[in-house]
Amino acid sequence: MDPTTLFGLGISGFTIATICVSVLCSLVITVAAIAVPIYFYRKSRERAEELIAKGTQGEATILSLEDTGMLINNQPRVTMLLEIRMPYGVPYQVKKTLTVPLIRLSQIQVGLVVQVMVDMSDPTNPDKVGLLLK
């Protein structure tokens, strides 16, 4: 029997190793493709729940709205400039980028006033501002 064959099938050890590495890489890529979106979805949900629990409600006027040209799950990603007014304090502006469900797109037009939740520990941070769309 030739030492470069495996079980008399003419398959070298190098070929078997290549197949094993390919299968292992495929499994790692598949697990990552499933786990990464779940991780980010959970993080996003945790941030939203934290904002609802700790946030202060105010209102914002949409000063500008731009399409980024990116779609996430066929939903447009937009950048908007908001002028936020809280029950106390001076109005201020925040530029926020978010993915908007198509069904909610009519609620975020330039000039409209929307309700927002703001974490007052860092009110100018766009990640600490959430839109309350109906």
N, C-alpha and C. Protein backbone atom coordinates (compact mmCIF):
# COMPACT_ATOMS: atom_id res chain seq x y z
N MET A 1 0.85 -1.17 0.00
CA MET A 1 0.00 0.00 0.00
C MET A 1 0.90 1.24 0.00
N ASP A 2 0.48 2.21 -0.81
CA ASP A 2 1.23 3.47 -0.94
C ASP A 2 1.03 4.31 0.32
N PRO A 3 2.11 4.83 0.93
CA PRO A 3 1.96 5.62 2.16
C PRO A 3 1.25 6.95 1.95
N THR A 4 1.04 7.39 0.71
CA THR A 4 0.34 8.66 0.48
C THR A 4 -1.16 8.47 0.33
N THR A 5 -1.64 7.26 0.53
CA THR A 5 -3.08 7.02 0.41
C THR A 5 -3.67 6.73 1.77
N LEU A 6 -4.95 6.93 1.89
CA LEU A 6 -5.65 6.69 3.15
C LEU A 6 -6.71 5.63 2.89
N PHE A 7 -6.62 4.54 3.62
CA PHE A 7 -7.56 3.42 3.50
C PHE A 7 -7.65 2.89 2.08
N GLY A 8 -6.57 3.04 1.33
CA GLY A 8 -6.54 2.51 -0.02
C GLY A 8 -7.42 3.29 -0.99
N LEU A 9 -7.86 4.50 -0.63
CA LEU A 9 -8.76 5.27 -1.49
C LEU A 9 -8.03 6.29 -2.36
N GLY A 10 -6.75 6.39 -2.20
CA GLY A 10 -5.99 7.35 -3.00
C GLY A 10 -6.14 8.79 -2.50
N ILE A 11 -6.55 8.94 -1.25
CA ILE A 11 -6.70 10.28 -0.68
C ILE A 11 -5.52 10.52 0.24
N SER A 12 -4.80 11.58 -0.01
CA SER A 12 -3.62 11.85 0.80
C SER A 12 -4.03 12.50 2.12
N GLY A 13 -3.14 12.45 3.08
CA GLY A 13 -3.37 13.08 4.37
C GLY A 13 -3.53 14.59 4.24
N PHE A 14 -2.80 15.16 3.27
CA PHE A 14 -2.91 16.60 3.04
C PHE A 14 -4.32 16.96 2.58
N THR A 15 -4.90 16.14 1.71
CA THR A 15 -6.26 16.39 1.22
C THR A 15 -7.26 16.29 2.36
N ILE A 16 -7.12 15.31 3.22
CA ILE A 16 -8.02 15.16 4.37
C ILE A 16 -7.90 16.37 5.28
N ALA A 17 -6.68 16.82 5.53
CA ALA A 17 -6.47 17.99 6.37
C ALA A 17 -7.12 19.23 5.74
N THR A 18 -7.00 19.38 4.44
CA THR A 18 -7.60 20.51 3.74
C THR A 18 -9.12 20.47 3.86
N ILE A 19 -9.71 19.31 3.72
CA ILE A 19 -11.16 19.16 3.84
C ILE A 19 -11.61 19.50 5.27
N CYS A 20 -10.87 19.00 6.26
CA CYS A 20 -11.22 19.28 7.66
C CYS A 20 -11.15 20.77 7.97
N VAL A 21 -10.11 21.43 7.49
CA VAL A 21 -9.97 22.86 7.72
C VAL A 21 -11.10 23.61 7.02
N SER A 22 -11.46 23.21 5.82
CA SER A 22 -12.55 23.87 5.08
C SER A 22 -13.88 23.71 5.81
N VAL A 23 -14.14 22.52 6.32
CA VAL A 23 -15.39 22.28 7.06
C VAL A 23 -15.40 23.11 8.34
N LEU A 24 -14.28 23.13 9.05
CA LEU A 24 -14.19 23.90 10.28
C LEU A 24 -14.39 25.40 10.01
N CYS A 25 -13.76 25.93 8.97
CA CYS A 25 -13.94 27.34 8.61
C CYS A 25 -15.39 27.63 8.25
N SER A 26 -16.03 26.74 7.53
CA SER A 26 -17.44 26.92 7.17
C SER A 26 -18.32 26.97 8.41
N LEU A 27 -18.04 26.11 9.38
CA LEU A 27 -18.81 26.10 10.62
C LEU A 27 -18.61 27.40 11.41
N VAL A 28 -17.37 27.87 11.48
CA VAL A 28 -17.07 29.11 12.21
C VAL A 28 -17.79 30.28 11.55
N ILE A 29 -17.76 30.36 10.23
CA ILE A 29 -18.42 31.45 9.51
C ILE A 29 -19.93 31.40 9.71
N THR A 30 -20.51 30.20 9.68
CA THR A 30 -21.95 30.04 9.88
C THR A 30 -22.35 30.47 11.29
N VAL A 31 -21.62 30.04 12.29
CA VAL A 31 -21.92 30.42 13.67
C VAL A 31 -21.79 31.93 13.84
N ALA A 32 -20.75 32.53 13.27
CA ALA A 32 -20.58 33.98 13.38
C ALA A 32 -21.71 34.73 12.68
N ALA A 33 -22.15 34.22 11.53
CA ALA A 33 -23.22 34.88 10.79
C ALA A 33 -24.54 34.85 11.55
N ILE A 34 -24.70 33.89 12.42
CA ILE A 34 -25.92 33.80 13.23
C ILE A 34 -25.74 34.57 14.54
N ALA A 35 -24.61 34.43 15.18
CA ALA A 35 -24.41 35.00 16.52
C ALA A 35 -24.22 36.52 16.51
N VAL A 36 -23.52 37.06 15.53
CA VAL A 36 -23.23 38.50 15.53
C VAL A 36 -24.51 39.34 15.43
N PRO A 37 -25.43 39.07 14.50
CA PRO A 37 -26.66 39.87 14.48
C PRO A 37 -27.49 39.73 15.76
N ILE A 38 -27.53 38.55 16.33
CA ILE A 38 -28.27 38.35 17.58
C ILE A 38 -27.63 39.19 18.69
N TYR A 39 -26.33 39.22 18.75
CA TYR A 39 -25.63 40.01 19.76
C TYR A 39 -25.98 41.48 19.63
N PHE A 40 -25.90 42.03 18.41
CA PHE A 40 -26.18 43.44 18.21
C PHE A 40 -27.65 43.77 18.44
N TYR A 41 -28.54 42.86 18.09
CA TYR A 41 -29.96 43.07 18.34
C TYR A 41 -30.22 43.16 19.85
N ARG A 42 -29.62 42.27 20.60
CA ARG A 42 -29.80 42.29 22.06
C ARG A 42 -29.22 43.56 22.67
N LYS A 43 -28.05 43.98 22.21
CA LYS A 43 -27.43 45.21 22.72
C LYS A 43 -28.33 46.41 22.42
N SER A 44 -28.87 46.46 21.22
CA SER A 44 -29.75 47.57 20.83
C SER A 44 -31.01 47.58 21.70
N ARG A 45 -31.55 46.41 21.94
CA ARG A 45 -32.74 46.31 22.78
C ARG A 45 -32.44 46.72 24.23
N GLU A 46 -31.29 46.32 24.74
CA GLU A 46 -30.89 46.70 26.10
C GLU A 46 -30.73 48.21 26.22
N ARG A 47 -30.13 48.84 25.18
CA ARG A 47 -29.97 50.30 25.20
C ARG A 47 -31.33 50.98 25.19
N ALA A 48 -32.27 50.47 24.39
CA ALA A 48 -33.60 51.06 24.33
C ALA A 48 -34.32 50.92 25.66
N GLU A 49 -34.23 49.76 26.29
CA GLU A 49 -34.88 49.55 27.58
C GLU A 49 -34.26 50.45 28.65
N GLU A 50 -32.95 50.61 28.61
CA GLU A 50 -32.27 51.49 29.57
C GLU A 50 -32.69 52.94 29.37
N LEU A 51 -32.82 53.35 28.11
CA LEU A 51 -33.23 54.71 27.82
C LEU A 51 -34.66 54.97 28.31
N ILE A 52 -35.52 53.99 28.14
CA ILE A 52 -36.90 54.14 28.62
C ILE A 52 -36.93 54.23 30.14
N ALA A 53 -36.09 53.43 30.80
CA ALA A 53 -36.07 53.42 32.27
C ALA A 53 -35.45 54.69 32.86
N LYS A 54 -34.35 55.17 32.27
CA LYS A 54 -33.61 56.29 32.84
C LYS A 54 -33.89 57.62 32.16
N GLY A 55 -34.51 57.58 30.98
CA GLY A 55 -34.63 58.78 30.17
C GLY A 55 -35.67 59.76 30.64
N THR A 56 -35.55 60.97 30.12
CA THR A 56 -36.51 62.04 30.35
C THR A 56 -37.17 62.35 29.02
N GLN A 57 -38.49 62.49 29.03
CA GLN A 57 -39.20 62.74 27.79
C GLN A 57 -39.15 64.22 27.43
N GLY A 58 -38.96 64.48 26.16
CA GLY A 58 -38.96 65.82 25.63
C GLY A 58 -39.50 65.79 24.21
N GLU A 59 -39.24 66.84 23.46
CA GLU A 59 -39.67 66.85 22.08
C GLU A 59 -38.55 67.40 21.22
N ALA A 60 -38.60 67.05 19.94
CA ALA A 60 -37.57 67.49 19.01
C ALA A 60 -38.21 67.85 17.68
N THR A 61 -37.67 68.88 17.07
CA THR A 61 -38.07 69.26 15.72
C THR A 61 -37.02 68.70 14.76
N ILE A 62 -37.47 68.08 13.70
CA ILE A 62 -36.55 67.53 12.70
C ILE A 62 -36.15 68.67 11.78
N LEU A 63 -34.88 69.06 11.84
CA LEU A 63 -34.37 70.18 11.05
C LEU A 63 -33.91 69.74 9.66
N SER A 64 -33.33 68.55 9.58
CA SER A 64 -32.91 68.02 8.28
C SER A 64 -32.98 66.50 8.31
N LEU A 65 -33.13 65.93 7.13
CA LEU A 65 -33.25 64.48 6.99
C LEU A 65 -32.54 64.08 5.70
N GLU A 66 -31.58 63.18 5.82
CA GLU A 66 -30.80 62.73 4.66
C GLU A 66 -30.79 61.21 4.63
N ASP A 67 -30.96 60.68 3.44
CA ASP A 67 -30.85 59.23 3.24
C ASP A 67 -29.37 58.90 3.09
N THR A 68 -28.91 57.91 3.85
CA THR A 68 -27.49 57.52 3.75
C THR A 68 -27.23 56.65 2.53
N GLY A 69 -28.30 56.15 1.92
CA GLY A 69 -28.14 55.25 0.78
C GLY A 69 -27.97 53.80 1.20
N MET A 70 -27.98 53.56 2.49
CA MET A 70 -27.81 52.21 3.02
C MET A 70 -29.17 51.64 3.43
N LEU A 71 -29.37 50.37 3.19
CA LEU A 71 -30.56 49.66 3.64
C LEU A 71 -30.15 48.56 4.60
N ILE A 72 -30.87 48.42 5.68
CA ILE A 72 -30.66 47.31 6.60
C ILE A 72 -31.97 46.55 6.67
N ASN A 73 -31.95 45.30 6.22
CA ASN A 73 -33.17 44.50 6.11
C ASN A 73 -34.23 45.24 5.29
N ASN A 74 -33.81 45.85 4.20
CA ASN A 74 -34.67 46.62 3.30
C ASN A 74 -35.35 47.80 3.98
N GLN A 75 -34.77 48.30 5.05
CA GLN A 75 -35.27 49.49 5.74
C GLN A 75 -34.23 50.58 5.56
N PRO A 76 -34.65 51.81 5.23
CA PRO A 76 -33.67 52.87 4.97
C PRO A 76 -32.95 53.33 6.23
N ARG A 77 -31.69 53.65 6.06
CA ARG A 77 -30.88 54.23 7.14
C ARG A 77 -30.77 55.72 6.82
N VAL A 78 -31.14 56.57 7.79
CA VAL A 78 -31.18 58.00 7.56
C VAL A 78 -30.37 58.74 8.63
N THR A 79 -29.93 59.93 8.27
CA THR A 79 -29.28 60.83 9.23
C THR A 79 -30.17 62.04 9.37
N MET A 80 -30.46 62.41 10.61
CA MET A 80 -31.32 63.57 10.84
C MET A 80 -30.68 64.51 11.85
N LEU A 81 -30.97 65.77 11.66
CA LEU A 81 -30.53 66.80 12.61
C LEU A 81 -31.76 67.17 13.42
N LEU A 82 -31.67 67.01 14.73
CA LEU A 82 -32.78 67.27 15.64
C LEU A 82 -32.48 68.47 16.52
N GLU A 83 -33.48 69.30 16.73
CA GLU A 83 -33.38 70.34 17.75
C GLU A 83 -34.21 69.85 18.93
N ILE A 84 -33.53 69.51 20.00
CA ILE A 84 -34.19 68.89 21.16
C ILE A 84 -34.52 69.95 22.19
N ARG A 85 -35.75 69.86 22.68
CA ARG A 85 -36.22 70.74 23.75
C ARG A 85 -36.70 69.87 24.90
N MET A 86 -36.06 70.08 26.04
CA MET A 86 -36.42 69.35 27.24
C MET A 86 -37.27 70.26 28.13
N PRO A 87 -37.97 69.70 29.12
CA PRO A 87 -38.82 70.53 29.98
C PRO A 87 -38.05 71.66 30.66
N TYR A 88 -36.77 71.50 30.80
CA TYR A 88 -35.93 72.54 31.41
C TYR A 88 -34.67 72.64 30.55
N GLY A 89 -34.06 73.77 30.54
CA GLY A 89 -32.82 73.93 29.79
C GLY A 89 -33.02 74.58 28.44
N VAL A 90 -31.93 74.78 27.76
CA VAL A 90 -31.89 75.45 26.47
C VAL A 90 -31.98 74.41 25.36
N PRO A 91 -32.70 74.69 24.29
CA PRO A 91 -32.73 73.74 23.16
C PRO A 91 -31.32 73.53 22.59
N TYR A 92 -31.06 72.33 22.12
CA TYR A 92 -29.76 72.01 21.54
C TYR A 92 -29.97 71.07 20.37
N GLN A 93 -28.94 70.92 19.53
CA GLN A 93 -29.05 70.10 18.34
C GLN A 93 -28.21 68.84 18.46
N VAL A 94 -28.75 67.77 17.89
CA VAL A 94 -28.06 66.48 17.86
C VAL A 94 -28.25 65.89 16.47
N LYS A 95 -27.17 65.36 15.91
CA LYS A 95 -27.23 64.65 14.63
C LYS A 95 -27.27 63.16 14.92
N LYS A 96 -28.32 62.50 14.47
CA LYS A 96 -28.54 61.08 14.80
C LYS A 96 -28.74 60.28 13.52
N THR A 97 -28.11 59.12 13.44
CA THR A 97 -28.29 58.20 12.32
C THR A 97 -29.01 56.97 12.84
N LEU A 98 -30.07 56.58 12.13
CA LEU A 98 -30.83 55.41 12.57
C LEU A 98 -31.50 54.75 11.39
N THR A 99 -31.89 53.51 11.59
CA THR A 99 -32.64 52.75 10.61
C THR A 99 -34.11 52.91 10.93
N VAL A 100 -34.89 53.29 9.93
CA VAL A 100 -36.31 53.58 10.14
C VAL A 100 -37.15 52.57 9.36
N PRO A 101 -38.08 51.90 10.04
CA PRO A 101 -38.99 51.02 9.29
C PRO A 101 -39.78 51.85 8.27
N LEU A 102 -39.98 51.30 7.08
CA LEU A 102 -40.68 52.02 6.03
C LEU A 102 -42.04 52.53 6.49
N ILE A 103 -42.72 51.77 7.31
CA ILE A 103 -44.04 52.16 7.79
C ILE A 103 -43.99 53.39 8.69
N ARG A 104 -42.82 53.70 9.26
CA ARG A 104 -42.67 54.87 10.15
C ARG A 104 -42.04 56.08 9.44
N LEU A 105 -41.68 55.92 8.19
CA LEU A 105 -40.96 56.97 7.48
C LEU A 105 -41.76 58.27 7.39
N SER A 106 -43.08 58.18 7.30
CA SER A 106 -43.89 59.40 7.21
C SER A 106 -43.89 60.19 8.51
N GLN A 107 -43.46 59.57 9.62
CA GLN A 107 -43.45 60.24 10.92
C GLN A 107 -42.18 61.05 11.16
N ILE A 108 -41.23 60.98 10.25
CA ILE A 108 -39.96 61.69 10.45
C ILE A 108 -39.63 62.59 9.27
N GLN A 109 -40.54 63.49 8.93
CA GLN A 109 -40.32 64.44 7.86
C GLN A 109 -39.78 65.76 8.43
N VAL A 110 -39.06 66.50 7.61
CA VAL A 110 -38.48 67.78 8.03
C VAL A 110 -39.60 68.72 8.49
N GLY A 111 -39.37 69.33 9.64
CA GLY A 111 -40.33 70.27 10.20
C GLY A 111 -41.28 69.66 11.22
N LEU A 112 -41.37 68.34 11.25
CA LEU A 112 -42.27 67.70 12.21
C LEU A 112 -41.67 67.71 13.61
N VAL A 113 -42.55 67.73 14.60
CA VAL A 113 -42.13 67.64 16.00
C VAL A 113 -42.41 66.21 16.45
N VAL A 114 -41.39 65.57 17.01
CA VAL A 114 -41.52 64.19 17.49
C VAL A 114 -41.17 64.14 18.97
N GLN A 115 -41.72 63.16 19.65
CA GLN A 115 -41.40 62.94 21.05
C GLN A 115 -40.08 62.16 21.12
N VAL A 116 -39.25 62.49 22.10
CA VAL A 116 -37.96 61.82 22.27
C VAL A 116 -37.77 61.46 23.74
N MET A 117 -36.92 60.49 23.97
CA MET A 117 -36.43 60.15 25.30
C MET A 117 -34.94 60.43 25.30
N VAL A 118 -34.48 61.12 26.33
CA VAL A 118 -33.07 61.52 26.40
C VAL A 118 -32.51 61.09 27.75
N ASP A 119 -31.35 60.44 27.72
CA ASP A 119 -30.63 60.13 28.95
C ASP A 119 -29.87 61.38 29.32
N MET A 120 -30.28 62.04 30.38
CA MET A 120 -29.72 63.33 30.74
C MET A 120 -28.30 63.25 31.29
N SER A 121 -27.77 62.04 31.48
CA SER A 121 -26.38 61.92 31.90
C SER A 121 -25.43 62.36 30.77
N ASP A 122 -25.88 62.24 29.51
CA ASP A 122 -25.10 62.67 28.35
C ASP A 122 -26.07 63.05 27.24
N PRO A 123 -26.78 64.17 27.38
CA PRO A 123 -27.87 64.49 26.46
C PRO A 123 -27.46 64.80 25.03
N THR A 124 -26.20 65.14 24.78
CA THR A 124 -25.78 65.45 23.42
C THR A 124 -25.25 64.24 22.66
N ASN A 125 -25.17 63.11 23.33
CA ASN A 125 -24.73 61.87 22.70
C ASN A 125 -25.90 61.29 21.90
N PRO A 126 -25.76 61.12 20.57
CA PRO A 126 -26.87 60.60 19.77
C PRO A 126 -27.36 59.22 20.22
N ASP A 127 -26.46 58.42 20.82
CA ASP A 127 -26.87 57.10 21.29
C ASP A 127 -27.75 57.19 22.53
N LYS A 128 -27.77 58.34 23.17
CA LYS A 128 -28.58 58.54 24.38
C LYS A 128 -29.88 59.28 24.08
N VAL A 129 -30.21 59.40 22.79
CA VAL A 129 -31.45 60.03 22.35
C VAL A 129 -32.23 59.01 21.54
N GLY A 130 -33.49 58.80 21.92
CA GLY A 130 -34.34 57.86 21.20
C GLY A 130 -35.63 58.52 20.76
N LEU A 131 -36.05 58.23 19.54
CA LEU A 131 -37.30 58.77 19.03
C LEU A 131 -38.45 57.87 19.47
N LEU A 132 -39.55 58.49 19.88
CA LEU A 132 -40.74 57.75 20.29
C LEU A 132 -41.74 57.82 19.13
N LEU A 133 -41.60 56.93 18.18
CA LEU A 133 -42.49 56.91 17.03
C LEU A 133 -43.67 56.00 17.33
N LYS A 134 -44.84 56.39 16.87
CA LYS A 134 -46.06 55.61 17.13
C LYS A 134 -46.28 54.57 16.07
